[in-house]
Amino acid sequence: MGDGADTLFWHDPWLGGVPFRVRFRRHFDLAVDKSCTVSHMESRGWEVGGAGWSWRRRLWVWEEEMLGECIILLRSVSLQFNVSDTWRWQLDISAGYTVSNAYQLVTSQDSPQVDRAEALVWHKHVPLKVSIFAWRLLRNRLPTRTNLVRRGILSSDAAGCLPGCGGNKTSQHLFISCDFYGTLWHKVRSWLGILGPDPLNVLDHFYQFTYSAGGL
């Protein structure tokens, strides 16, 4: 990244390897200017309340939270003025792209390591309230007792799980490992006729039920 004048803010994979229109699709859909450059956004201000953010309507609370993640990423960006943007082959920056090292990259991996959770959560056929719940769950943003204690809303002695199983009421505990609530999923899998091991974390659980339902 140089001065950002030749790089599209939403469309080019200029930060983190994934275009912002994919990583923050909800905000891309709401953005007024979808073809702005990185330099244009930076000059107008991409901090909280910056003029670079122009929306078709006012953001909801959970959309503000997602925007906060984007702003945190942008704080690490330092543009180099009077230096043009260029493409670089990350496997060998000095020599650049070659067919041989591209072939080695492709053949050395058994399968693409692509995190599809974001695309699955915000799929067009999923009701919006379900997408919001899944997004908050996967990022540990649900108002569980542990999160409420962390925010100072509840006292520290209120973090325990209500059935008295001895664990703190985190998302992981509530949905996976709780002796009371966690047993629900075994019954759901039996009802759906799904066979397989029990997931060990929330993300694996999310993938299991998504793909067992036919995938998206």
C-alpha atoms as a PDB file:
ATOM      1  CA  MET A   1       0.000   0.000   0.000  1.00  0.00           C
ATOM      2  CA  GLY A   2       1.320   3.384  -1.045  1.00  0.00           C
ATOM      3  CA  ASP A   3      -0.855   6.486  -1.056  1.00  0.00           C
ATOM      4  CA  GLY A   4      -4.066   4.502  -1.567  1.00  0.00           C
ATOM      5  CA  ALA A   5      -5.095   6.500  -4.635  1.00  0.00           C
ATOM      6  CA  ASP A   6      -5.289   3.447  -6.926  1.00  0.00           C
ATOM      7  CA  THR A   7      -6.862   1.034  -4.452  1.00  0.00           C
ATOM      8  CA  LEU A   8     -10.615   0.675  -4.008  1.00  0.00           C
ATOM      9  CA  PHE A   9     -11.596   0.704  -0.353  1.00  0.00           C
ATOM     10  CA  TRP A  10     -14.467  -1.780  -0.583  1.00  0.00           C
ATOM     11  CA  HIS A  11     -13.522  -3.924  -3.584  1.00  0.00           C
ATOM     12  CA  ASP A  12      -9.757  -4.574  -3.427  1.00  0.00           C
ATOM     13  CA  PRO A  13      -8.223  -7.066  -0.922  1.00  0.00           C
ATOM     14  CA  TRP A  14      -5.871  -4.419   0.396  1.00  0.00           C
ATOM     15  CA  LEU A  15      -6.061  -5.208   4.138  1.00  0.00           C
ATOM     16  CA  GLY A  16      -6.172  -8.728   5.541  1.00  0.00           C
ATOM     17  CA  GLY A  17      -6.488 -10.436   2.160  1.00  0.00           C
ATOM     18  CA  VAL A  18     -10.300 -10.228   1.999  1.00  0.00           C
ATOM     19  CA  PRO A  19     -12.180  -7.317   0.352  1.00  0.00           C
ATOM     20  CA  PHE A  20     -14.178  -5.214   2.779  1.00  0.00           C
ATOM     21  CA  ARG A  21     -17.271  -5.742   0.620  1.00  0.00           C
ATOM     22  CA  VAL A  22     -17.064  -9.412   1.664  1.00  0.00           C
ATOM     23  CA  ARG A  23     -15.744  -9.053   5.194  1.00  0.00           C
ATOM     24  CA  PHE A  24     -18.186  -6.265   6.059  1.00  0.00           C
ATOM     25  CA  ARG A  25     -20.908  -6.974   3.519  1.00  0.00           C
ATOM     26  CA  ARG A  26     -23.666  -5.419   5.580  1.00  0.00           C
ATOM     27  CA  HIS A  27     -21.874  -2.066   5.639  1.00  0.00           C
ATOM     28  CA  PHE A  28     -20.989  -2.318   1.952  1.00  0.00           C
ATOM     29  CA  ASP A  29     -24.694  -2.705   1.159  1.00  0.00           C
ATOM     30  CA  LEU A  30     -25.482   0.378   3.271  1.00  0.00           C
ATOM     31  CA  ALA A  31     -22.598   2.541   2.004  1.00  0.00           C
ATOM     32  CA  VAL A  32     -23.510   5.492  -0.211  1.00  0.00           C
ATOM     33  CA  ASP A  33     -20.161   5.542  -2.048  1.00  0.00           C
ATOM     34  CA  LYS A  34     -19.205   1.989  -2.998  1.00  0.00           C
ATOM     35  CA  SER A  35     -16.396   2.931  -5.387  1.00  0.00           C
ATOM     36  CA  CYS A  36     -14.301   5.216  -3.154  1.00  0.00           C
ATOM     37  CA  THR A  37     -10.535   4.761  -2.922  1.00  0.00           C
ATOM     38  CA  VAL A  38      -8.527   4.137   0.223  1.00  0.00           C
ATOM     39  CA  SER A  39      -6.962   7.600   0.046  1.00  0.00           C
ATOM     40  CA  HIS A  40     -10.390   9.226  -0.283  1.00  0.00           C
ATOM     41  CA  MET A  41     -11.688   7.390   2.773  1.00  0.00           C
ATOM     42  CA  GLU A  42      -8.586   8.220   4.809  1.00  0.00           C
ATOM     43  CA  SER A  43      -8.676  11.908   3.877  1.00  0.00           C
ATOM     44  CA  ARG A  44     -12.348  12.227   4.842  1.00  0.00           C
ATOM     45  CA  GLY A  45     -11.788  10.361   8.091  1.00  0.00           C
ATOM     46  CA  TRP A  46     -12.397   6.692   8.862  1.00  0.00           C
ATOM     47  CA  GLU A  47     -12.343   6.960  12.635  1.00  0.00           C
ATOM     48  CA  VAL A  48     -15.534   6.834  14.692  1.00  0.00           C
ATOM     49  CA  GLY A  49     -17.833   9.570  13.399  1.00  0.00           C
ATOM     50  CA  GLY A  50     -15.560  10.294  10.432  1.00  0.00           C
ATOM     51  CA  ALA A  51     -17.008  11.823   7.273  1.00  0.00           C
ATOM     52  CA  GLY A  52     -15.751   8.869   5.254  1.00  0.00           C
ATOM     53  CA  TRP A  53     -18.641   6.808   6.578  1.00  0.00           C
ATOM     54  CA  SER A  54     -21.770   7.789   4.692  1.00  0.00           C
ATOM     55  CA  TRP A  55     -24.784   5.495   5.005  1.00  0.00           C
ATOM     56  CA  ARG A  56     -28.167   5.181   3.330  1.00  0.00           C
ATOM     57  CA  ARG A  57     -29.741   5.083   6.776  1.00  0.00           C
ATOM     58  CA  ARG A  58     -28.694   5.276  10.409  1.00  0.00           C
ATOM     59  CA  LEU A  59     -26.832   2.181  11.635  1.00  0.00           C
ATOM     60  CA  TRP A  60     -28.398  -0.094  14.200  1.00  0.00           C
ATOM     61  CA  VAL A  61     -26.536  -0.934  17.411  1.00  0.00           C
ATOM     62  CA  TRP A  62     -25.188  -4.280  16.203  1.00  0.00           C
ATOM     63  CA  GLU A  63     -24.092  -2.662  12.920  1.00  0.00           C
ATOM     64  CA  GLU A  64     -22.198  -0.047  14.936  1.00  0.00           C
ATOM     65  CA  GLU A  65     -20.431  -2.905  16.745  1.00  0.00           C
ATOM     66  CA  MET A  66     -19.379  -4.466  13.441  1.00  0.00           C
ATOM     67  CA  LEU A  67     -18.150  -1.084  12.194  1.00  0.00           C
ATOM     68  CA  GLY A  68     -16.019  -0.860  15.335  1.00  0.00           C
ATOM     69  CA  GLU A  69     -14.159  -4.016  14.236  1.00  0.00           C
ATOM     70  CA  CYS A  70     -13.452  -2.408  10.870  1.00  0.00           C
ATOM     71  CA  ILE A  71     -12.195   0.813  12.474  1.00  0.00           C
ATOM     72  CA  ILE A  72      -9.815  -1.158  14.703  1.00  0.00           C
ATOM     73  CA  LEU A  73      -8.291  -2.739  11.576  1.00  0.00           C
ATOM     74  CA  LEU A  74      -7.911   0.659   9.922  1.00  0.00           C
ATOM     75  CA  ARG A  75      -5.941   2.068  12.861  1.00  0.00           C
ATOM     76  CA  SER A  76      -2.964  -0.056  11.781  1.00  0.00           C
ATOM     77  CA  VAL A  77      -2.905   1.514   8.294  1.00  0.00           C
ATOM     78  CA  SER A  78      -0.263   4.116   7.485  1.00  0.00           C
ATOM     79  CA  LEU A  79      -0.418   5.481   3.939  1.00  0.00           C
ATOM     80  CA  GLN A  80       2.788   6.475   2.133  1.00  0.00           C
ATOM     81  CA  PHE A  81       2.105   9.725   0.342  1.00  0.00           C
ATOM     82  CA  ASN A  82       3.781  10.291  -3.048  1.00  0.00           C
ATOM     83  CA  VAL A  83       4.236   6.505  -3.346  1.00  0.00           C
ATOM     84  CA  SER A  84       2.005   4.655  -5.827  1.00  0.00           C
ATOM     85  CA  ASP A  85       0.127   1.516  -4.854  1.00  0.00           C
ATOM     86  CA  THR A  86       1.656  -1.706  -6.198  1.00  0.00           C
ATOM     87  CA  TRP A  87       0.826  -5.412  -6.257  1.00  0.00           C
ATOM     88  CA  ARG A  88       3.319  -7.748  -4.571  1.00  0.00           C
ATOM     89  CA  TRP A  89       3.640 -11.526  -4.475  1.00  0.00           C
ATOM     90  CA  GLN A  90       3.801 -12.218  -0.753  1.00  0.00           C
ATOM     91  CA  LEU A  91       5.617 -15.571  -1.092  1.00  0.00           C
ATOM     92  CA  ASP A  92       8.640 -13.844  -2.604  1.00  0.00           C
ATOM     93  CA  ILE A  93       8.501 -10.054  -2.450  1.00  0.00           C
ATOM     94  CA  SER A  94      11.996  -9.582  -3.897  1.00  0.00           C
ATOM     95  CA  ALA A  95      11.677 -11.846  -6.954  1.00  0.00           C
ATOM     96  CA  GLY A  96       7.954 -11.418  -7.450  1.00  0.00           C
ATOM     97  CA  TYR A  97       5.429 -13.857  -8.876  1.00  0.00           C
ATOM     98  CA  THR A  98       6.572 -16.996 -10.691  1.00  0.00           C
ATOM     99  CA  VAL A  99       4.556 -19.937 -11.978  1.00  0.00           C
ATOM    100  CA  SER A 100       6.754 -22.405 -10.086  1.00  0.00           C
ATOM    101  CA  ASN A 101       6.177 -20.953  -6.608  1.00  0.00           C
ATOM    102  CA  ALA A 102       2.478 -20.499  -7.376  1.00  0.00           C
ATOM    103  CA  TYR A 103       2.340 -24.207  -8.271  1.00  0.00           C
ATOM    104  CA  GLN A 104       4.121 -25.119  -5.057  1.00  0.00           C
ATOM    105  CA  LEU A 105       1.620 -23.067  -3.069  1.00  0.00           C
ATOM    106  CA  VAL A 106      -1.377 -24.795  -4.661  1.00  0.00           C
ATOM    107  CA  THR A 107      -0.018 -28.351  -4.475  1.00  0.00           C
ATOM    108  CA  SER A 108       1.271 -28.040  -0.897  1.00  0.00           C
ATOM    109  CA  GLN A 109      -2.215 -27.546   0.532  1.00  0.00           C
ATOM    110  CA  ASP A 110      -4.760 -30.322   0.813  1.00  0.00           C
ATOM    111  CA  SER A 111      -7.677 -27.913   0.792  1.00  0.00           C
ATOM    112  CA  PRO A 112      -8.169 -24.136   0.735  1.00  0.00           C
ATOM    113  CA  GLN A 113      -8.036 -22.689   4.235  1.00  0.00           C
ATOM    114  CA  VAL A 114     -10.917 -20.308   3.745  1.00  0.00           C
ATOM    115  CA  ASP A 115     -13.133 -19.217   6.605  1.00  0.00           C
ATOM    116  CA  ARG A 116     -16.663 -19.221   5.164  1.00  0.00           C
ATOM    117  CA  ALA A 117     -18.419 -18.366   8.400  1.00  0.00           C
ATOM    118  CA  GLU A 118     -19.091 -14.766   7.363  1.00  0.00           C
ATOM    119  CA  ALA A 119     -20.720 -15.778   4.070  1.00  0.00           C
ATOM    120  CA  LEU A 120     -22.819 -18.425   5.828  1.00  0.00           C
ATOM    121  CA  VAL A 121     -24.005 -16.024   8.526  1.00  0.00           C
ATOM    122  CA  TRP A 122     -25.102 -13.293   6.121  1.00  0.00           C
ATOM    123  CA  HIS A 123     -26.617 -15.564   3.485  1.00  0.00           C
ATOM    124  CA  LYS A 124     -29.593 -14.009   1.705  1.00  0.00           C
ATOM    125  CA  HIS A 125     -31.867 -16.937   2.555  1.00  0.00           C
ATOM    126  CA  VAL A 126     -31.229 -16.647   6.310  1.00  0.00           C
ATOM    127  CA  PRO A 127     -33.663 -14.414   8.262  1.00  0.00           C
ATOM    128  CA  LEU A 128     -31.975 -11.233   9.448  1.00  0.00           C
ATOM    129  CA  LYS A 129     -32.666 -11.853  13.149  1.00  0.00           C
ATOM    130  CA  VAL A 130     -31.031 -15.297  12.829  1.00  0.00           C
ATOM    131  CA  SER A 131     -27.973 -13.777  11.104  1.00  0.00           C
ATOM    132  CA  ILE A 132     -27.624 -11.168  13.843  1.00  0.00           C
ATOM    133  CA  PHE A 133     -27.841 -13.829  16.557  1.00  0.00           C
ATOM    134  CA  ALA A 134     -25.252 -16.058  14.818  1.00  0.00           C
ATOM    135  CA  TRP A 135     -22.888 -13.113  14.267  1.00  0.00           C
ATOM    136  CA  ARG A 136     -23.078 -12.148  17.943  1.00  0.00           C
ATOM    137  CA  LEU A 137     -22.658 -15.760  19.051  1.00  0.00           C
ATOM    138  CA  LEU A 138     -19.550 -16.434  16.945  1.00  0.00           C
ATOM    139  CA  ARG A 139     -17.937 -13.222  18.242  1.00  0.00           C
ATOM    140  CA  ASN A 140     -18.968 -13.763  21.852  1.00  0.00           C
ATOM    141  CA  ARG A 141     -21.203 -10.684  21.830  1.00  0.00           C
ATOM    142  CA  LEU A 142     -24.294 -12.274  23.373  1.00  0.00           C
ATOM    143  CA  PRO A 143     -25.377 -10.895  26.787  1.00  0.00           C
ATOM    144  CA  THR A 144     -24.315 -14.018  28.693  1.00  0.00           C
ATOM    145  CA  ARG A 145     -23.747 -13.746  32.430  1.00  0.00           C
ATOM    146  CA  THR A 146     -19.968 -13.791  31.937  1.00  0.00           C
ATOM    147  CA  ASN A 147     -20.129 -10.905  29.454  1.00  0.00           C
ATOM    148  CA  LEU A 148     -22.467  -8.935  31.723  1.00  0.00           C
ATOM    149  CA  VAL A 149     -20.014  -9.388  34.599  1.00  0.00           C
ATOM    150  CA  ARG A 150     -17.156  -8.229  32.360  1.00  0.00           C
ATOM    151  CA  ARG A 151     -19.113  -5.078  31.499  1.00  0.00           C
ATOM    152  CA  GLY A 152     -19.878  -4.361  35.146  1.00  0.00           C
ATOM    153  CA  ILE A 153     -23.623  -4.959  34.805  1.00  0.00           C
ATOM    154  CA  LEU A 154     -23.641  -7.996  37.133  1.00  0.00           C
ATOM    155  CA  SER A 155     -21.456  -8.753  40.132  1.00  0.00           C
ATOM    156  CA  SER A 156     -18.708 -11.353  39.788  1.00  0.00           C
ATOM    157  CA  ASP A 157     -20.584 -13.912  41.886  1.00  0.00           C
ATOM    158  CA  ALA A 158     -23.400 -13.970  39.307  1.00  0.00           C
ATOM    159  CA  ALA A 159     -21.341 -15.512  36.485  1.00  0.00           C
ATOM    160  CA  GLY A 160     -22.318 -19.100  37.268  1.00  0.00           C
ATOM    161  CA  CYS A 161     -24.679 -21.166  35.152  1.00  0.00           C
ATOM    162  CA  LEU A 162     -28.285 -21.140  36.402  1.00  0.00           C
ATOM    163  CA  PRO A 163     -28.807 -24.954  36.573  1.00  0.00           C
ATOM    164  CA  GLY A 164     -25.902 -25.088  39.040  1.00  0.00           C
ATOM    165  CA  CYS A 165     -23.594 -27.262  36.920  1.00  0.00           C
ATOM    166  CA  GLY A 166     -20.553 -25.366  38.221  1.00  0.00           C
ATOM    167  CA  GLY A 167     -19.441 -23.653  35.013  1.00  0.00           C
ATOM    168  CA  ASN A 168     -19.366 -19.964  34.118  1.00  0.00           C
ATOM    169  CA  LYS A 169     -22.169 -19.011  31.749  1.00  0.00           C
ATOM    170  CA  THR A 170     -20.127 -18.206  28.637  1.00  0.00           C
ATOM    171  CA  SER A 171     -21.379 -18.810  25.085  1.00  0.00           C
ATOM    172  CA  GLN A 172     -19.101 -21.837  24.846  1.00  0.00           C
ATOM    173  CA  HIS A 173     -20.476 -23.300  28.070  1.00  0.00           C
ATOM    174  CA  LEU A 174     -24.106 -22.436  27.385  1.00  0.00           C
ATOM    175  CA  PHE A 175     -24.249 -23.911  23.868  1.00  0.00           C
ATOM    176  CA  ILE A 176     -21.728 -26.755  24.073  1.00  0.00           C
ATOM    177  CA  SER A 177     -20.474 -27.987  27.439  1.00  0.00           C
ATOM    178  CA  CYS A 178     -23.323 -27.335  29.901  1.00  0.00           C
ATOM    179  CA  ASP A 179     -24.639 -30.618  31.355  1.00  0.00           C
ATOM    180  CA  PHE A 180     -28.164 -29.194  31.214  1.00  0.00           C
ATOM    181  CA  TYR A 181     -28.420 -27.066  28.057  1.00  0.00           C
ATOM    182  CA  GLY A 182     -25.729 -28.873  26.069  1.00  0.00           C
ATOM    183  CA  THR A 183     -27.720 -32.114  26.014  1.00  0.00           C
ATOM    184  CA  LEU A 184     -30.329 -30.388  23.840  1.00  0.00           C
ATOM    185  CA  TRP A 185     -28.146 -30.776  20.737  1.00  0.00           C
ATOM    186  CA  HIS A 186     -27.987 -34.567  21.069  1.00  0.00           C
ATOM    187  CA  LYS A 187     -31.787 -34.630  20.922  1.00  0.00           C
ATOM    188  CA  VAL A 188     -31.848 -32.238  17.961  1.00  0.00           C
ATOM    189  CA  ARG A 189     -29.330 -34.379  16.043  1.00  0.00           C
ATOM    190  CA  SER A 190     -31.373 -37.510  16.757  1.00  0.00           C
ATOM    191  CA  TRP A 191     -34.494 -35.762  15.514  1.00  0.00           C
ATOM    192  CA  LEU A 192     -32.732 -34.670  12.306  1.00  0.00           C
ATOM    193  CA  GLY A 193     -31.028 -38.032  11.840  1.00  0.00           C
ATOM    194  CA  ILE A 194     -27.519 -36.541  12.001  1.00  0.00           C
ATOM    195  CA  LEU A 195     -24.662 -38.815  13.022  1.00  0.00           C
ATOM    196  CA  GLY A 196     -21.189 -37.679  14.054  1.00  0.00           C
ATOM    197  CA  PRO A 197     -19.033 -36.565  16.964  1.00  0.00           C
ATOM    198  CA  ASP A 198     -20.085 -33.749  19.249  1.00  0.00           C
ATOM    199  CA  PRO A 199     -18.439 -30.418  18.297  1.00  0.00           C
ATOM    200  CA  LEU A 200     -15.916 -29.086  20.812  1.00  0.00           C
ATOM    201  CA  ASN A 201     -16.431 -25.376  20.152  1.00  0.00           C
ATOM    202  CA  VAL A 202     -19.091 -22.960  18.929  1.00  0.00           C
ATOM    203  CA  LEU A 203     -17.608 -22.469  15.445  1.00  0.00           C
ATOM    204  CA  ASP A 204     -17.390 -26.221  14.741  1.00  0.00           C
ATOM    205  CA  HIS A 205     -20.953 -26.568  16.009  1.00  0.00           C
ATOM    206  CA  PHE A 206     -22.055 -23.798  13.634  1.00  0.00           C
ATOM    207  CA  TYR A 207     -20.405 -25.508  10.651  1.00  0.00           C
ATOM    208  CA  GLN A 208     -21.809 -28.940  11.550  1.00  0.00           C
ATOM    209  CA  PHE A 209     -25.421 -27.813  11.608  1.00  0.00           C
ATOM    210  CA  THR A 210     -25.043 -25.549   8.586  1.00  0.00           C
ATOM    211  CA  TYR A 211     -23.672 -28.269   6.335  1.00  0.00           C
ATOM    212  CA  SER A 212     -25.893 -31.012   7.755  1.00  0.00           C
ATOM    213  CA  ALA A 213     -28.822 -28.882   6.641  1.00  0.00           C
ATOM    214  CA  GLY A 214     -27.582 -29.084   3.054  1.00  0.00           C
ATOM    215  CA  GLY A 215     -24.923 -26.370   3.089  1.00  0.00           C
ATOM    216  CA  LEU A 216     -25.223 -22.900   1.585  1.00  0.00           C
END
